[in-house]
Amino acid sequence: MDITQNKKAFDEFFRFYYPRLKKYAYFLLKSDQDADDLIQDVFSI
């Protein structure tokens, strides 16, 4: 698998899971900014 395929796969993964994870993080944290920060940390690891 080359870098282009990896990037495409990650982009699809991100687009699918980001809204779900953001909603759940907001439910737990009750803060939009904290939820964004948490999801950014999750996807940057």
PDB file of N, CA and C in Angstrom:
ATOM      1  N   MET A   1       0.856  -1.176   0.000  1.00  0.00           N
ATOM      2  CA  MET A   1       0.000   0.000   0.000  1.00  0.00           C
ATOM      3  C   MET A   1       0.901   1.238   0.000  1.00  0.00           C
ATOM      4  N   ASP A   2       0.686   2.138  -0.934  1.00  0.00           N
ATOM      5  CA  ASP A   2       1.522   3.327  -1.001  1.00  0.00           C
ATOM      6  C   ASP A   2       0.935   4.464  -0.163  1.00  0.00           C
ATOM      7  N   ILE A   3       1.669   5.560  -0.097  1.00  0.00           N
ATOM      8  CA  ILE A   3       1.284   6.691   0.751  1.00  0.00           C
ATOM      9  C   ILE A   3      -0.053   7.300   0.331  1.00  0.00           C
ATOM     10  N   THR A   4      -0.341   7.321  -0.955  1.00  0.00           N
ATOM     11  CA  THR A   4      -1.603   7.879  -1.441  1.00  0.00           C
ATOM     12  C   THR A   4      -2.781   7.044  -0.947  1.00  0.00           C
ATOM     13  N   GLN A   5      -2.637   5.738  -1.001  1.00  0.00           N
ATOM     14  CA  GLN A   5      -3.701   4.853  -0.519  1.00  0.00           C
ATOM     15  C   GLN A   5      -3.860   4.986   0.992  1.00  0.00           C
ATOM     16  N   ASN A   6      -2.738   5.115   1.708  1.00  0.00           N
ATOM     17  CA  ASN A   6      -2.811   5.294   3.161  1.00  0.00           C
ATOM     18  C   ASN A   6      -3.542   6.574   3.515  1.00  0.00           C
ATOM     19  N   LYS A   7      -3.221   7.651   2.814  1.00  0.00           N
ATOM     20  CA  LYS A   7      -3.873   8.936   3.089  1.00  0.00           C
ATOM     21  C   LYS A   7      -5.365   8.854   2.787  1.00  0.00           C
ATOM     22  N   LYS A   8      -5.717   8.234   1.679  1.00  0.00           N
ATOM     23  CA  LYS A   8      -7.133   8.101   1.325  1.00  0.00           C
ATOM     24  C   LYS A   8      -7.872   7.271   2.386  1.00  0.00           C
ATOM     25  N   ALA A   9      -7.259   6.183   2.822  1.00  0.00           N
ATOM     26  CA  ALA A   9      -7.881   5.337   3.843  1.00  0.00           C
ATOM     27  C   ALA A   9      -8.052   6.108   5.150  1.00  0.00           C
ATOM     28  N   PHE A  10      -7.034   6.860   5.548  1.00  0.00           N
ATOM     29  CA  PHE A  10      -7.138   7.650   6.772  1.00  0.00           C
ATOM     30  C   PHE A  10      -8.221   8.710   6.642  1.00  0.00           C
ATOM     31  N   ASP A  11      -8.279   9.385   5.503  1.00  0.00           N
ATOM     32  CA  ASP A  11      -9.303  10.413   5.286  1.00  0.00           C
ATOM     33  C   ASP A  11     -10.706   9.825   5.396  1.00  0.00           C
ATOM     34  N   GLU A  12     -10.909   8.664   4.817  1.00  0.00           N
ATOM     35  CA  GLU A  12     -12.219   8.003   4.909  1.00  0.00           C
ATOM     36  C   GLU A  12     -12.532   7.622   6.350  1.00  0.00           C
ATOM     37  N   PHE A  13     -11.548   7.079   7.040  1.00  0.00           N
ATOM     38  CA  PHE A  13     -11.697   6.700   8.450  1.00  0.00           C
ATOM     39  C   PHE A  13     -12.057   7.925   9.288  1.00  0.00           C
ATOM     40  N   PHE A  14     -11.320   9.014   9.078  1.00  0.00           N
ATOM     41  CA  PHE A  14     -11.546  10.248   9.826  1.00  0.00           C
ATOM     42  C   PHE A  14     -12.947  10.793   9.577  1.00  0.00           C
ATOM     43  N   ARG A  15     -13.343  10.887   8.306  1.00  0.00           N
ATOM     44  CA  ARG A  15     -14.669  11.420   7.979  1.00  0.00           C
ATOM     45  C   ARG A  15     -15.793  10.569   8.576  1.00  0.00           C
ATOM     46  N   PHE A  16     -15.579   9.270   8.661  1.00  0.00           N
ATOM     47  CA  PHE A  16     -16.601   8.387   9.205  1.00  0.00           C
ATOM     48  C   PHE A  16     -16.696   8.507  10.728  1.00  0.00           C
ATOM     49  N   TYR A  17     -15.558   8.509  11.411  1.00  0.00           N
ATOM     50  CA  TYR A  17     -15.561   8.447  12.873  1.00  0.00           C
ATOM     51  C   TYR A  17     -15.558   9.797  13.579  1.00  0.00           C
ATOM     52  N   TYR A  18     -15.059  10.844  12.943  1.00  0.00           N
ATOM     53  CA  TYR A  18     -14.967  12.135  13.628  1.00  0.00           C
ATOM     54  C   TYR A  18     -16.304  12.602  14.207  1.00  0.00           C
ATOM     55  N   PRO A  19     -17.386  12.640  13.431  1.00  0.00           N
ATOM     56  CA  PRO A  19     -18.652  13.137  14.006  1.00  0.00           C
ATOM     57  C   PRO A  19     -19.138  12.294  15.185  1.00  0.00           C
ATOM     58  N   ARG A  20     -18.955  10.995  15.102  1.00  0.00           N
ATOM     59  CA  ARG A  20     -19.406  10.118  16.183  1.00  0.00           C
ATOM     60  C   ARG A  20     -18.570  10.331  17.446  1.00  0.00           C
ATOM     61  N   LEU A  21     -17.266  10.408  17.262  1.00  0.00           N
ATOM     62  CA  LEU A  21     -16.385  10.619  18.406  1.00  0.00           C
ATOM     63  C   LEU A  21     -16.593  12.004  19.014  1.00  0.00           C
ATOM     64  N   LYS A  22     -16.799  12.994  18.176  1.00  0.00           N
ATOM     65  CA  LYS A  22     -17.033  14.354  18.676  1.00  0.00           C
ATOM     66  C   LYS A  22     -18.307  14.402  19.504  1.00  0.00           C
ATOM     67  N   LYS A  23     -19.348  13.770  19.023  1.00  0.00           N
ATOM     68  CA  LYS A  23     -20.619  13.753  19.751  1.00  0.00           C
ATOM     69  C   LYS A  23     -20.456  13.064  21.108  1.00  0.00           C
ATOM     70  N   TYR A  24     -19.757  11.956  21.123  1.00  0.00           N
ATOM     71  CA  TYR A  24     -19.542  11.224  22.371  1.00  0.00           C
ATOM     72  C   TYR A  24     -18.651  12.021  23.325  1.00  0.00           C
ATOM     73  N   ALA A  25     -17.584  12.612  22.791  1.00  0.00           N
ATOM     74  CA  ALA A  25     -16.694  13.418  23.633  1.00  0.00           C
ATOM     75  C   ALA A  25     -17.446  14.606  24.227  1.00  0.00           C
ATOM     76  N   TYR A  26     -18.297  15.247  23.436  1.00  0.00           N
ATOM     77  CA  TYR A  26     -19.084  16.364  23.947  1.00  0.00           C
ATOM     78  C   TYR A  26     -20.038  15.892  25.046  1.00  0.00           C
ATOM     79  N   PHE A  27     -20.630  14.730  24.847  1.00  0.00           N
ATOM     80  CA  PHE A  27     -21.530  14.166  25.855  1.00  0.00           C
ATOM     81  C   PHE A  27     -20.802  13.988  27.191  1.00  0.00           C
ATOM     82  N   LEU A  28     -19.559  13.514  27.119  1.00  0.00           N
ATOM     83  CA  LEU A  28     -18.787  13.280  28.350  1.00  0.00           C
ATOM     84  C   LEU A  28     -18.235  14.568  28.954  1.00  0.00           C
ATOM     85  N   LEU A  29     -17.756  15.466  28.109  1.00  0.00           N
ATOM     86  CA  LEU A  29     -17.018  16.639  28.593  1.00  0.00           C
ATOM     87  C   LEU A  29     -17.874  17.900  28.737  1.00  0.00           C
ATOM     88  N   LYS A  30     -19.010  17.943  28.043  1.00  0.00           N
ATOM     89  CA  LYS A  30     -19.910  19.111  28.068  1.00  0.00           C
ATOM     90  C   LYS A  30     -19.210  20.395  27.628  1.00  0.00           C
ATOM     91  N   SER A  31     -18.213  20.260  26.763  1.00  0.00           N
ATOM     92  CA  SER A  31     -17.496  21.425  26.247  1.00  0.00           C
ATOM     93  C   SER A  31     -17.098  21.142  24.807  1.00  0.00           C
ATOM     94  N   ASP A  32     -17.529  22.016  23.912  1.00  0.00           N
ATOM     95  CA  ASP A  32     -17.215  21.831  22.501  1.00  0.00           C
ATOM     96  C   ASP A  32     -15.706  21.919  22.256  1.00  0.00           C
ATOM     97  N   GLN A  33     -15.057  22.902  22.882  1.00  0.00           N
ATOM     98  CA  GLN A  33     -13.611  23.080  22.697  1.00  0.00           C
ATOM     99  C   GLN A  33     -12.833  21.880  23.245  1.00  0.00           C
ATOM    100  N   ASP A  34     -13.203  21.399  24.421  1.00  0.00           N
ATOM    101  CA  ASP A  34     -12.521  20.235  24.998  1.00  0.00           C
ATOM    102  C   ASP A  34     -12.745  18.986  24.145  1.00  0.00           C
ATOM    103  N   ALA A  35     -13.944  18.845  23.605  1.00  0.00           N
ATOM    104  CA  ALA A  35     -14.235  17.708  22.736  1.00  0.00           C
ATOM    105  C   ALA A  35     -13.373  17.772  21.482  1.00  0.00           C
ATOM    106  N   ASP A  36     -13.263  18.955  20.870  1.00  0.00           N
ATOM    107  CA  ASP A  36     -12.400  19.122  19.692  1.00  0.00           C
ATOM    108  C   ASP A  36     -10.947  18.785  20.019  1.00  0.00           C
ATOM    109  N   ASP A  37     -10.467  19.293  21.152  1.00  0.00           N
ATOM    110  CA  ASP A  37      -9.082  19.029  21.551  1.00  0.00           C
ATOM    111  C   ASP A  37      -8.842  17.545  21.762  1.00  0.00           C
ATOM    112  N   LEU A  38      -9.771  16.872  22.404  1.00  0.00           N
ATOM    113  CA  LEU A  38      -9.626  15.438  22.655  1.00  0.00           C
ATOM    114  C   LEU A  38      -9.581  14.652  21.345  1.00  0.00           C
ATOM    115  N   ILE A  39     -10.491  14.954  20.447  1.00  0.00           N
ATOM    116  CA  ILE A  39     -10.528  14.220  19.164  1.00  0.00           C
ATOM    117  C   ILE A  39      -9.276  14.502  18.352  1.00  0.00           C
ATOM    118  N   GLN A  40      -8.792  15.740  18.390  1.00  0.00           N
ATOM    119  CA  GLN A  40      -7.551  16.054  17.691  1.00  0.00           C
ATOM    120  C   GLN A  40      -6.399  15.237  18.269  1.00  0.00           C
ATOM    121  N   ASP A  41      -6.346  15.112  19.592  1.00  0.00           N
ATOM    122  CA  ASP A  41      -5.305  14.295  20.227  1.00  0.00           C
ATOM    123  C   ASP A  41      -5.414  12.831  19.813  1.00  0.00           C
ATOM    124  N   VAL A  42      -6.629  12.330  19.759  1.00  0.00           N
ATOM    125  CA  VAL A  42      -6.836  10.930  19.380  1.00  0.00           C
ATOM    126  C   VAL A  42      -6.319  10.664  17.979  1.00  0.00           C
ATOM    127  N   PHE A  43      -6.604  11.556  17.050  1.00  0.00           N
ATOM    128  CA  PHE A  43      -6.212  11.327  15.662  1.00  0.00           C
ATOM    129  C   PHE A  43      -4.760  11.714  15.376  1.00  0.00           C
ATOM    130  N   SER A  44      -4.101  12.353  16.298  1.00  0.00           N
ATOM    131  CA  SER A  44      -2.701  12.735  16.062  1.00  0.00           C
ATOM    132  C   SER A  44      -1.713  11.718  16.622  1.00  0.00           C
ATOM    133  N   ILE A  45      -2.183  10.724  17.304  1.00  0.00           N
ATOM    134  CA  ILE A  45      -1.294   9.716  17.895  1.00  0.00           C
ATOM    135  C   ILE A  45      -0.839   8.739  16.852  1.00  0.00           C
TER     136      ILE A  45
END
